[in-house]
Amino acid sequence: MRANPDTSQKLKERLFGCDLRGGKPSFPATPMDADSDVALDILITNVVCVFRTRCHLNLRKIALEGANVIYKRDVGKVLMKLRKPRITATIWSSGKIICTGATSEEEAKFGARRLARSLQKLGFQVIFTDFKVVNVLAVCNMPFEIRLPEFTKNNRPHASYEPELHPAVCYRIKSLRATLQIFSTGSITVTGPNVKAVATAVEQIYPFVFESRKEIL
């Protein structure tokens, strides 16, 4: 199985007109203001996935015979690192494995399968099952700065802002299970259950932050 060629994953695609994973139409292009259709870059920084092996895993055997491993005996798990793709796996004896560090959903699945093969080579009867992407972390930069107090006032109760505790507004979209951290610089950090949810969250937030943008004098 080959890695997706875009695993570097700075997604320089038109956000509102194509599928971030394959370049095919996913949701309609949406003009964000009266004058133009905006293209934004989303940088995927971490994809978390989980899968199961359907067999018991001897953690001590993995620690002794595996490569690039750390045995956390006190908490009953092993950490295993891959170089290509660069992911870290947390392995439990039950056969549950969580992988972090991928920069696309395709890379996450490729890395998970490669990890499963590594365990097979150690003699375990691994069956790759129940793969699922559970969390995606991404960053998007708006082409303007944002007036956070005004944005928060206009978007309660979804938005909360406590500048004495954190410099960003926290905005939640329950329908997408997405959370956005919005900074005055225009930088937005997004977490969601998958890449499509992250892209849709950025699409939905754009008109609201645009209303509270700082005008350039």
C-alpha atoms as a PDB file:
ATOM      1  CA  MET A   1       0.000   0.000   0.000  1.00  0.00           C
ATOM      2  CA  ARG A   2       1.427   3.408  -0.941  1.00  0.00           C
ATOM      3  CA  ALA A   3       1.255   6.644   1.030  1.00  0.00           C
ATOM      4  CA  ASN A   4      -0.888   9.418  -0.352  1.00  0.00           C
ATOM      5  CA  PRO A   5       1.345  11.764  -2.408  1.00  0.00           C
ATOM      6  CA  ASP A   6       0.018  14.796  -0.527  1.00  0.00           C
ATOM      7  CA  THR A   7       1.049  13.601   2.927  1.00  0.00           C
ATOM      8  CA  SER A   8       2.983  16.846   3.460  1.00  0.00           C
ATOM      9  CA  GLN A   9      -0.596  18.133   3.619  1.00  0.00           C
ATOM     10  CA  LYS A  10      -0.482  21.873   3.328  1.00  0.00           C
ATOM     11  CA  LEU A  11      -3.870  21.821   1.715  1.00  0.00           C
ATOM     12  CA  LYS A  12      -3.679  24.537  -0.885  1.00  0.00           C
ATOM     13  CA  GLU A  13      -7.075  23.834  -2.363  1.00  0.00           C
ATOM     14  CA  ARG A  14     -10.142  25.969  -2.679  1.00  0.00           C
ATOM     15  CA  LEU A  15     -11.659  25.323   0.700  1.00  0.00           C
ATOM     16  CA  PHE A  16     -15.267  25.806  -0.194  1.00  0.00           C
ATOM     17  CA  GLY A  17     -15.356  23.922  -3.476  1.00  0.00           C
ATOM     18  CA  CYS A  18     -13.434  20.664  -3.166  1.00  0.00           C
ATOM     19  CA  ASP A  19     -12.853  17.660  -0.985  1.00  0.00           C
ATOM     20  CA  LEU A  20      -9.678  18.212   1.043  1.00  0.00           C
ATOM     21  CA  ARG A  21      -8.775  14.532   0.761  1.00  0.00           C
ATOM     22  CA  GLY A  22      -9.157  13.977  -2.949  1.00  0.00           C
ATOM     23  CA  GLY A  23      -9.795  17.205  -4.826  1.00  0.00           C
ATOM     24  CA  LYS A  24     -13.353  16.243  -5.789  1.00  0.00           C
ATOM     25  CA  PRO A  25     -16.414  18.431  -5.215  1.00  0.00           C
ATOM     26  CA  SER A  26     -17.620  18.042  -1.638  1.00  0.00           C
ATOM     27  CA  PHE A  27     -19.646  21.113  -0.787  1.00  0.00           C
ATOM     28  CA  PRO A  28     -20.594  24.098  -2.950  1.00  0.00           C
ATOM     29  CA  ALA A  29     -18.409  27.139  -3.358  1.00  0.00           C
ATOM     30  CA  THR A  30     -19.716  29.786  -0.981  1.00  0.00           C
ATOM     31  CA  PRO A  31     -18.995  33.485  -1.525  1.00  0.00           C
ATOM     32  CA  MET A  32     -18.012  34.922   1.845  1.00  0.00           C
ATOM     33  CA  ASP A  33     -18.752  38.521   1.029  1.00  0.00           C
ATOM     34  CA  ALA A  34     -20.400  40.486  -1.712  1.00  0.00           C
ATOM     35  CA  ASP A  35     -17.196  40.990  -3.661  1.00  0.00           C
ATOM     36  CA  SER A  36     -15.193  37.777  -3.702  1.00  0.00           C
ATOM     37  CA  ASP A  37     -14.938  34.066  -3.105  1.00  0.00           C
ATOM     38  CA  VAL A  38     -12.199  33.442  -0.565  1.00  0.00           C
ATOM     39  CA  ALA A  39      -9.625  30.661  -0.783  1.00  0.00           C
ATOM     40  CA  LEU A  40      -7.973  29.724   2.507  1.00  0.00           C
ATOM     41  CA  ASP A  41      -5.138  27.359   3.363  1.00  0.00           C
ATOM     42  CA  ILE A  42      -5.723  24.806   6.108  1.00  0.00           C
ATOM     43  CA  LEU A  43      -2.636  23.201   7.617  1.00  0.00           C
ATOM     44  CA  ILE A  44      -3.400  19.819   9.175  1.00  0.00           C
ATOM     45  CA  THR A  45      -0.955  19.379  12.072  1.00  0.00           C
ATOM     46  CA  ASN A  46      -2.171  16.178  13.733  1.00  0.00           C
ATOM     47  CA  VAL A  47      -4.557  13.345  12.926  1.00  0.00           C
ATOM     48  CA  VAL A  48      -5.405  10.888  15.706  1.00  0.00           C
ATOM     49  CA  CYS A  49      -6.739   7.460  14.778  1.00  0.00           C
ATOM     50  CA  VAL A  50      -7.547   4.228  16.563  1.00  0.00           C
ATOM     51  CA  PHE A  51      -7.725   0.601  15.473  1.00  0.00           C
ATOM     52  CA  ARG A  52      -7.812  -2.883  17.009  1.00  0.00           C
ATOM     53  CA  THR A  53      -5.786  -6.009  16.343  1.00  0.00           C
ATOM     54  CA  ARG A  54      -8.328  -8.638  17.483  1.00  0.00           C
ATOM     55  CA  CYS A  55      -5.610 -10.431  19.424  1.00  0.00           C
ATOM     56  CA  HIS A  56      -3.861 -10.138  22.772  1.00  0.00           C
ATOM     57  CA  LEU A  57      -0.523  -8.326  22.588  1.00  0.00           C
ATOM     58  CA  ASN A  58       2.378  -9.276  24.844  1.00  0.00           C
ATOM     59  CA  LEU A  59       3.796  -5.860  25.702  1.00  0.00           C
ATOM     60  CA  ARG A  60       7.026  -7.259  27.117  1.00  0.00           C
ATOM     61  CA  LYS A  61       7.690  -9.151  23.867  1.00  0.00           C
ATOM     62  CA  ILE A  62       7.060  -5.962  21.857  1.00  0.00           C
ATOM     63  CA  ALA A  63       9.408  -4.009  24.140  1.00  0.00           C
ATOM     64  CA  LEU A  64      12.186  -6.617  23.832  1.00  0.00           C
ATOM     65  CA  GLU A  65      11.909  -7.421  20.126  1.00  0.00           C
ATOM     66  CA  GLY A  66      10.344  -4.318  18.561  1.00  0.00           C
ATOM     67  CA  ALA A  67      12.167  -1.278  17.166  1.00  0.00           C
ATOM     68  CA  ASN A  68      11.830   2.286  18.454  1.00  0.00           C
ATOM     69  CA  VAL A  69       9.720   1.302  21.451  1.00  0.00           C
ATOM     70  CA  ILE A  70       9.320   2.547  25.028  1.00  0.00           C
ATOM     71  CA  TYR A  71       7.748   0.228  27.591  1.00  0.00           C
ATOM     72  CA  LYS A  72       5.548   2.075  30.105  1.00  0.00           C
ATOM     73  CA  ARG A  73       5.105  -0.867  32.463  1.00  0.00           C
ATOM     74  CA  ASP A  74       3.593   1.236  35.263  1.00  0.00           C
ATOM     75  CA  VAL A  75       0.650   2.244  33.058  1.00  0.00           C
ATOM     76  CA  GLY A  76       0.455  -0.953  31.015  1.00  0.00           C
ATOM     77  CA  LYS A  77       1.294   0.307  27.539  1.00  0.00           C
ATOM     78  CA  VAL A  78       4.034   0.467  24.925  1.00  0.00           C
ATOM     79  CA  LEU A  79       4.907   3.454  22.745  1.00  0.00           C
ATOM     80  CA  MET A  80       6.159   2.631  19.251  1.00  0.00           C
ATOM     81  CA  LYS A  81       7.406   5.219  16.767  1.00  0.00           C
ATOM     82  CA  LEU A  82       7.493   4.992  12.990  1.00  0.00           C
ATOM     83  CA  ARG A  83       9.708   7.189  10.843  1.00  0.00           C
ATOM     84  CA  LYS A  84       7.765   6.982   7.596  1.00  0.00           C
ATOM     85  CA  PRO A  85       5.146   8.191   8.166  1.00  0.00           C
ATOM     86  CA  ARG A  86       6.209   9.953  11.346  1.00  0.00           C
ATOM     87  CA  ILE A  87       3.634   8.703  13.827  1.00  0.00           C
ATOM     88  CA  THR A  88       3.628   7.519  17.440  1.00  0.00           C
ATOM     89  CA  ALA A  89       1.471   4.573  18.491  1.00  0.00           C
ATOM     90  CA  THR A  90       0.221   3.812  21.984  1.00  0.00           C
ATOM     91  CA  ILE A  91      -0.289   0.054  22.297  1.00  0.00           C
ATOM     92  CA  TRP A  92      -2.310  -1.774  24.945  1.00  0.00           C
ATOM     93  CA  SER A  93      -2.287  -5.506  25.614  1.00  0.00           C
ATOM     94  CA  SER A  94      -6.005  -5.658  24.758  1.00  0.00           C
ATOM     95  CA  GLY A  95      -5.122  -4.933  21.134  1.00  0.00           C
ATOM     96  CA  LYS A  96      -6.311  -1.341  21.124  1.00  0.00           C
ATOM     97  CA  ILE A  97      -3.863   1.029  19.412  1.00  0.00           C
ATOM     98  CA  ILE A  98      -4.000   4.823  19.128  1.00  0.00           C
ATOM     99  CA  CYS A  99      -1.806   6.588  16.559  1.00  0.00           C
ATOM    100  CA  THR A 100      -0.917  10.299  16.573  1.00  0.00           C
ATOM    101  CA  GLY A 101       1.219  12.578  14.423  1.00  0.00           C
ATOM    102  CA  ALA A 102      -0.130  11.994  10.909  1.00  0.00           C
ATOM    103  CA  THR A 103      -0.881  15.005   8.727  1.00  0.00           C
ATOM    104  CA  SER A 104      -3.749  13.551   6.706  1.00  0.00           C
ATOM    105  CA  GLU A 105      -6.401  10.869   7.083  1.00  0.00           C
ATOM    106  CA  GLU A 106      -4.725   8.829   4.341  1.00  0.00           C
ATOM    107  CA  GLU A 107      -1.342   9.051   6.067  1.00  0.00           C
ATOM    108  CA  ALA A 108      -2.940   8.024   9.375  1.00  0.00           C
ATOM    109  CA  LYS A 109      -4.420   4.876   7.821  1.00  0.00           C
ATOM    110  CA  PHE A 110      -1.202   4.060   5.980  1.00  0.00           C
ATOM    111  CA  GLY A 111       0.772   4.425   9.218  1.00  0.00           C
ATOM    112  CA  ALA A 112      -1.716   2.331  11.185  1.00  0.00           C
ATOM    113  CA  ARG A 113      -1.515  -0.485   8.626  1.00  0.00           C
ATOM    114  CA  ARG A 114       2.263  -0.327   8.646  1.00  0.00           C
ATOM    115  CA  LEU A 115       2.252  -0.588  12.420  1.00  0.00           C
ATOM    116  CA  ALA A 116      -0.069  -3.608  12.237  1.00  0.00           C
ATOM    117  CA  ARG A 117       2.363  -5.287   9.834  1.00  0.00           C
ATOM    118  CA  SER A 118       5.226  -4.582  12.254  1.00  0.00           C
ATOM    119  CA  LEU A 119       3.321  -6.409  14.988  1.00  0.00           C
ATOM    120  CA  GLN A 120       2.602  -9.301  12.608  1.00  0.00           C
ATOM    121  CA  LYS A 121       6.343  -9.635  11.999  1.00  0.00           C
ATOM    122  CA  LEU A 122       6.808 -10.047  15.755  1.00  0.00           C
ATOM    123  CA  GLY A 123       4.574 -13.121  15.607  1.00  0.00           C
ATOM    124  CA  PHE A 124       1.186 -11.722  16.611  1.00  0.00           C
ATOM    125  CA  GLN A 125      -1.935 -12.848  14.724  1.00  0.00           C
ATOM    126  CA  VAL A 126      -3.005  -9.285  13.980  1.00  0.00           C
ATOM    127  CA  ILE A 127      -6.217  -8.545  12.090  1.00  0.00           C
ATOM    128  CA  PHE A 128      -6.505  -4.852  11.194  1.00  0.00           C
ATOM    129  CA  THR A 129     -10.040  -3.851  12.248  1.00  0.00           C
ATOM    130  CA  ASP A 130     -12.189  -0.997  13.542  1.00  0.00           C
ATOM    131  CA  PHE A 131      -9.975   1.747  12.095  1.00  0.00           C
ATOM    132  CA  LYS A 132     -11.360   5.196  12.790  1.00  0.00           C
ATOM    133  CA  VAL A 133     -10.103   8.776  12.713  1.00  0.00           C
ATOM    134  CA  VAL A 134     -11.148  10.274  16.047  1.00  0.00           C
ATOM    135  CA  ASN A 135      -9.568  13.736  16.093  1.00  0.00           C
ATOM    136  CA  VAL A 136      -8.023  16.231  13.689  1.00  0.00           C
ATOM    137  CA  LEU A 137      -6.064  19.343  14.667  1.00  0.00           C
ATOM    138  CA  ALA A 138      -5.601  22.082  12.079  1.00  0.00           C
ATOM    139  CA  VAL A 139      -4.573  25.721  11.755  1.00  0.00           C
ATOM    140  CA  CYS A 140      -6.042  28.328   9.418  1.00  0.00           C
ATOM    141  CA  ASN A 141      -4.989  31.965   9.051  1.00  0.00           C
ATOM    142  CA  MET A 142      -7.570  34.573   8.107  1.00  0.00           C
ATOM    143  CA  PRO A 143      -6.385  37.419   5.847  1.00  0.00           C
ATOM    144  CA  PHE A 144      -7.281  39.986   8.515  1.00  0.00           C
ATOM    145  CA  GLU A 145      -7.110  40.613  12.259  1.00  0.00           C
ATOM    146  CA  ILE A 146     -10.184  40.082  14.448  1.00  0.00           C
ATOM    147  CA  ARG A 147     -11.764  42.225  17.171  1.00  0.00           C
ATOM    148  CA  LEU A 148     -12.316  39.512  19.755  1.00  0.00           C
ATOM    149  CA  PRO A 149     -14.560  41.402  22.235  1.00  0.00           C
ATOM    150  CA  GLU A 150     -16.924  42.366  19.416  1.00  0.00           C
ATOM    151  CA  PHE A 151     -16.884  38.851  17.968  1.00  0.00           C
ATOM    152  CA  THR A 152     -17.695  37.337  21.362  1.00  0.00           C
ATOM    153  CA  LYS A 153     -20.543  39.766  22.001  1.00  0.00           C
ATOM    154  CA  ASN A 154     -22.087  39.003  18.611  1.00  0.00           C
ATOM    155  CA  ASN A 155     -21.803  35.229  18.919  1.00  0.00           C
ATOM    156  CA  ARG A 156     -22.853  34.243  22.422  1.00  0.00           C
ATOM    157  CA  PRO A 157     -23.493  31.606  23.721  1.00  0.00           C
ATOM    158  CA  HIS A 158     -21.319  29.736  21.218  1.00  0.00           C
ATOM    159  CA  ALA A 159     -18.343  32.011  21.887  1.00  0.00           C
ATOM    160  CA  SER A 160     -16.600  32.511  25.219  1.00  0.00           C
ATOM    161  CA  TYR A 161     -13.673  34.842  25.922  1.00  0.00           C
ATOM    162  CA  GLU A 162     -11.652  35.106  29.113  1.00  0.00           C
ATOM    163  CA  PRO A 163      -8.553  37.142  28.151  1.00  0.00           C
ATOM    164  CA  GLU A 164      -7.100  36.929  31.661  1.00  0.00           C
ATOM    165  CA  LEU A 165      -6.906  33.135  31.241  1.00  0.00           C
ATOM    166  CA  HIS A 166      -6.330  32.630  27.515  1.00  0.00           C
ATOM    167  CA  PRO A 167      -5.711  35.028  24.598  1.00  0.00           C
ATOM    168  CA  ALA A 168      -8.178  33.274  22.266  1.00  0.00           C
ATOM    169  CA  VAL A 169     -11.942  33.091  21.948  1.00  0.00           C
ATOM    170  CA  CYS A 170     -13.300  29.559  22.283  1.00  0.00           C
ATOM    171  CA  TYR A 171     -16.082  28.882  19.764  1.00  0.00           C
ATOM    172  CA  ARG A 172     -17.936  25.560  19.711  1.00  0.00           C
ATOM    173  CA  ILE A 173     -20.026  24.071  16.908  1.00  0.00           C
ATOM    174  CA  LYS A 174     -21.933  21.212  18.529  1.00  0.00           C
ATOM    175  CA  SER A 175     -23.399  19.856  15.294  1.00  0.00           C
ATOM    176  CA  LEU A 176     -19.868  19.245  13.964  1.00  0.00           C
ATOM    177  CA  ARG A 177     -18.319  18.365  17.329  1.00  0.00           C
ATOM    178  CA  ALA A 178     -15.730  21.015  16.489  1.00  0.00           C
ATOM    179  CA  THR A 179     -13.959  23.569  18.679  1.00  0.00           C
ATOM    180  CA  LEU A 180     -12.202  26.659  17.345  1.00  0.00           C
ATOM    181  CA  GLN A 181      -9.643  28.816  19.159  1.00  0.00           C
ATOM    182  CA  ILE A 182      -9.782  32.241  17.518  1.00  0.00           C
ATOM    183  CA  PHE A 183      -6.895  34.686  18.015  1.00  0.00           C
ATOM    184  CA  SER A 184      -6.873  38.429  17.371  1.00  0.00           C
ATOM    185  CA  THR A 185      -4.127  37.959  14.759  1.00  0.00           C
ATOM    186  CA  GLY A 186      -6.589  36.023  12.578  1.00  0.00           C
ATOM    187  CA  SER A 187      -5.058  32.647  13.376  1.00  0.00           C
ATOM    188  CA  ILE A 188      -7.638  29.943  14.117  1.00  0.00           C
ATOM    189  CA  THR A 189      -6.896  26.531  15.615  1.00  0.00           C
ATOM    190  CA  VAL A 190      -9.576  23.947  14.864  1.00  0.00           C
ATOM    191  CA  THR A 191     -10.192  20.521  16.381  1.00  0.00           C
ATOM    192  CA  GLY A 192     -12.816  18.167  15.010  1.00  0.00           C
ATOM    193  CA  PRO A 193     -13.587  14.481  14.495  1.00  0.00           C
ATOM    194  CA  ASN A 194     -12.363  14.422  10.883  1.00  0.00           C
ATOM    195  CA  VAL A 195     -10.961  16.585   8.082  1.00  0.00           C
ATOM    196  CA  LYS A 196     -14.362  17.309   6.539  1.00  0.00           C
ATOM    197  CA  ALA A 197     -15.713  18.578   9.878  1.00  0.00           C
ATOM    198  CA  VAL A 198     -12.682  20.842  10.264  1.00  0.00           C
ATOM    199  CA  ALA A 199     -13.155  22.288   6.767  1.00  0.00           C
ATOM    200  CA  THR A 200     -16.882  22.818   7.344  1.00  0.00           C
ATOM    201  CA  ALA A 201     -16.158  24.527  10.673  1.00  0.00           C
ATOM    202  CA  VAL A 202     -13.853  27.012   8.943  1.00  0.00           C
ATOM    203  CA  GLU A 203     -16.496  27.575   6.272  1.00  0.00           C
ATOM    204  CA  GLN A 204     -19.121  28.302   8.920  1.00  0.00           C
ATOM    205  CA  ILE A 205     -16.952  30.588  11.067  1.00  0.00           C
ATOM    206  CA  TYR A 206     -15.684  32.784   8.228  1.00  0.00           C
ATOM    207  CA  PRO A 207     -18.746  35.076   7.882  1.00  0.00           C
ATOM    208  CA  PHE A 208     -18.796  35.692  11.640  1.00  0.00           C
ATOM    209  CA  VAL A 209     -15.120  36.604  11.982  1.00  0.00           C
ATOM    210  CA  PHE A 210     -15.383  38.668   8.795  1.00  0.00           C
ATOM    211  CA  GLU A 211     -18.036  40.829  10.477  1.00  0.00           C
ATOM    212  CA  SER A 212     -15.622  41.543  13.341  1.00  0.00           C
ATOM    213  CA  ARG A 213     -12.476  42.071  11.269  1.00  0.00           C
ATOM    214  CA  LYS A 214     -10.191  45.006  11.941  1.00  0.00           C
ATOM    215  CA  GLU A 215     -10.353  47.531   9.141  1.00  0.00           C
ATOM    216  CA  ILE A 216      -7.053  48.440   7.513  1.00  0.00           C
ATOM    217  CA  LEU A 217      -6.547  52.189   7.721  1.00  0.00           C
END
